Amino acid sequence: MQGDQLKTAPSGYPKDHPAVEILRYKQFIFRRFFTDAEVLAPDFVIQANAALQAIRPFFDYMSEMLTSDANGVSLI
């Protein structure tokens, strides 16, 4: 995971929070580099799918958080 980060813990979180490194992110960028040989391999689609499946839980969680109010009630 990559992206810009805050210099300190975000407002409302203690500096020693167990997930402070993730909480400091202002954006989330996931990258997976493939070699030319990997792209040309017969199983490339399987490898690309595995890379996308690896970030799916994060995507699902963020989608839920961004479409719910503070009480967990869906906004859509």
C-alpha atoms as a PDB file:
ATOM      1  CA  MET A   1       0.000   0.000   0.000  1.00  0.00           C
ATOM      2  CA  GLN A   2       1.264   3.460  -0.862  1.00  0.00           C
ATOM      3  CA  GLY A   3       0.005   7.035  -0.668  1.00  0.00           C
ATOM      4  CA  ASP A   4       0.463  10.343   1.099  1.00  0.00           C
ATOM      5  CA  GLN A   5       0.507  10.157   4.881  1.00  0.00           C
ATOM      6  CA  LEU A   6      -0.022  12.542   7.753  1.00  0.00           C
ATOM      7  CA  LYS A   7       3.106  13.246   9.811  1.00  0.00           C
ATOM      8  CA  THR A   8       1.356  12.268  13.042  1.00  0.00           C
ATOM      9  CA  ALA A   9      -1.696  10.312  14.138  1.00  0.00           C
ATOM     10  CA  PRO A  10      -4.963  11.778  12.820  1.00  0.00           C
ATOM     11  CA  SER A  11      -7.059  13.901  15.131  1.00  0.00           C
ATOM     12  CA  GLY A  12      -8.910  11.817  17.696  1.00  0.00           C
ATOM     13  CA  TYR A  13      -6.462   8.879  17.638  1.00  0.00           C
ATOM     14  CA  PRO A  14      -3.644   8.316  20.138  1.00  0.00           C
ATOM     15  CA  LYS A  15      -0.092   8.324  18.766  1.00  0.00           C
ATOM     16  CA  ASP A  16       0.390   4.771  20.039  1.00  0.00           C
ATOM     17  CA  HIS A  17      -2.735   3.338  18.352  1.00  0.00           C
ATOM     18  CA  PRO A  18      -1.919  -0.176  17.042  1.00  0.00           C
ATOM     19  CA  ALA A  19      -2.992   0.783  13.493  1.00  0.00           C
ATOM     20  CA  VAL A  20      -1.477   4.284  13.446  1.00  0.00           C
ATOM     21  CA  GLU A  21       0.611   3.528  10.353  1.00  0.00           C
ATOM     22  CA  ILE A  22      -2.532   2.764   8.362  1.00  0.00           C
ATOM     23  CA  LEU A  23      -4.552   5.573   9.964  1.00  0.00           C
ATOM     24  CA  ARG A  24      -1.947   8.114   8.831  1.00  0.00           C
ATOM     25  CA  TYR A  25      -2.703   7.491   5.139  1.00  0.00           C
ATOM     26  CA  LYS A  26      -4.565  10.264   3.315  1.00  0.00           C
ATOM     27  CA  GLN A  27      -4.927   8.130   0.201  1.00  0.00           C
ATOM     28  CA  PHE A  28      -4.613   4.450  -0.557  1.00  0.00           C
ATOM     29  CA  ILE A  29      -2.711   3.186  -3.578  1.00  0.00           C
ATOM     30  CA  PHE A  30      -2.186  -0.494  -4.215  1.00  0.00           C
ATOM     31  CA  ARG A  31       0.286  -1.551  -6.887  1.00  0.00           C
ATOM     32  CA  ARG A  32       1.444  -4.891  -8.141  1.00  0.00           C
ATOM     33  CA  PHE A  33       4.128  -4.916 -10.793  1.00  0.00           C
ATOM     34  CA  PHE A  34       4.281  -7.736 -13.314  1.00  0.00           C
ATOM     35  CA  THR A  35       7.312  -8.609 -15.387  1.00  0.00           C
ATOM     36  CA  ASP A  36       7.030  -8.946 -19.150  1.00  0.00           C
ATOM     37  CA  ALA A  37       7.362 -12.699 -18.745  1.00  0.00           C
ATOM     38  CA  GLU A  38       4.485 -12.775 -16.241  1.00  0.00           C
ATOM     39  CA  VAL A  39       2.243 -10.741 -18.544  1.00  0.00           C
ATOM     40  CA  LEU A  40       2.978 -13.048 -21.466  1.00  0.00           C
ATOM     41  CA  ALA A  41       2.512 -16.251 -19.437  1.00  0.00           C
ATOM     42  CA  PRO A  42      -0.594 -18.356 -20.098  1.00  0.00           C
ATOM     43  CA  ASP A  43      -1.730 -17.958 -16.470  1.00  0.00           C
ATOM     44  CA  PHE A  44      -1.476 -14.152 -16.399  1.00  0.00           C
ATOM     45  CA  VAL A  45      -5.232 -13.706 -16.015  1.00  0.00           C
ATOM     46  CA  ILE A  46      -5.116 -15.942 -12.944  1.00  0.00           C
ATOM     47  CA  GLN A  47      -2.216 -13.935 -11.486  1.00  0.00           C
ATOM     48  CA  ALA A  48      -3.921 -10.590 -12.183  1.00  0.00           C
ATOM     49  CA  ASN A  49      -7.143 -11.883 -10.625  1.00  0.00           C
ATOM     50  CA  ALA A  50      -5.257 -13.026  -7.511  1.00  0.00           C
ATOM     51  CA  ALA A  51      -3.749  -9.539  -7.137  1.00  0.00           C
ATOM     52  CA  LEU A  52      -7.185  -7.939  -7.365  1.00  0.00           C
ATOM     53  CA  GLN A  53      -8.714 -10.457  -4.959  1.00  0.00           C
ATOM     54  CA  ALA A  54      -5.999  -9.619  -2.413  1.00  0.00           C
ATOM     55  CA  ILE A  55      -7.250  -6.014  -2.083  1.00  0.00           C
ATOM     56  CA  ARG A  56     -10.967  -6.869  -2.248  1.00  0.00           C
ATOM     57  CA  PRO A  57     -11.468  -7.048   1.559  1.00  0.00           C
ATOM     58  CA  PHE A  58     -10.018  -3.534   1.911  1.00  0.00           C
ATOM     59  CA  PHE A  59     -12.215  -2.250  -0.918  1.00  0.00           C
ATOM     60  CA  ASP A  60     -15.333  -3.820   0.629  1.00  0.00           C
ATOM     61  CA  TYR A  61     -14.535  -2.370   4.066  1.00  0.00           C
ATOM     62  CA  MET A  62     -13.905   1.133   2.727  1.00  0.00           C
ATOM     63  CA  SER A  63     -17.064   0.996   0.603  1.00  0.00           C
ATOM     64  CA  GLU A  64     -19.094   0.117   3.684  1.00  0.00           C
ATOM     65  CA  MET A  65     -17.475   2.844   5.813  1.00  0.00           C
ATOM     66  CA  LEU A  66     -17.927   5.527   3.171  1.00  0.00           C
ATOM     67  CA  THR A  67     -21.596   4.717   2.620  1.00  0.00           C
ATOM     68  CA  SER A  68     -22.654   4.469   6.298  1.00  0.00           C
ATOM     69  CA  ASP A  69     -23.321   7.099   8.913  1.00  0.00           C
ATOM     70  CA  ALA A  70     -21.686   7.123  12.370  1.00  0.00           C
ATOM     71  CA  ASN A  71     -24.268   4.622  13.606  1.00  0.00           C
ATOM     72  CA  GLY A  72     -23.562   2.150  10.801  1.00  0.00           C
ATOM     73  CA  VAL A  73     -26.808   2.910   8.947  1.00  0.00           C
ATOM     74  CA  SER A  74     -26.468   2.776   5.180  1.00  0.00           C
ATOM     75  CA  LEU A  75     -26.638   6.137   3.426  1.00  0.00           C
ATOM     76  CA  ILE A  76     -27.592   4.601   0.089  1.00  0.00           C
END
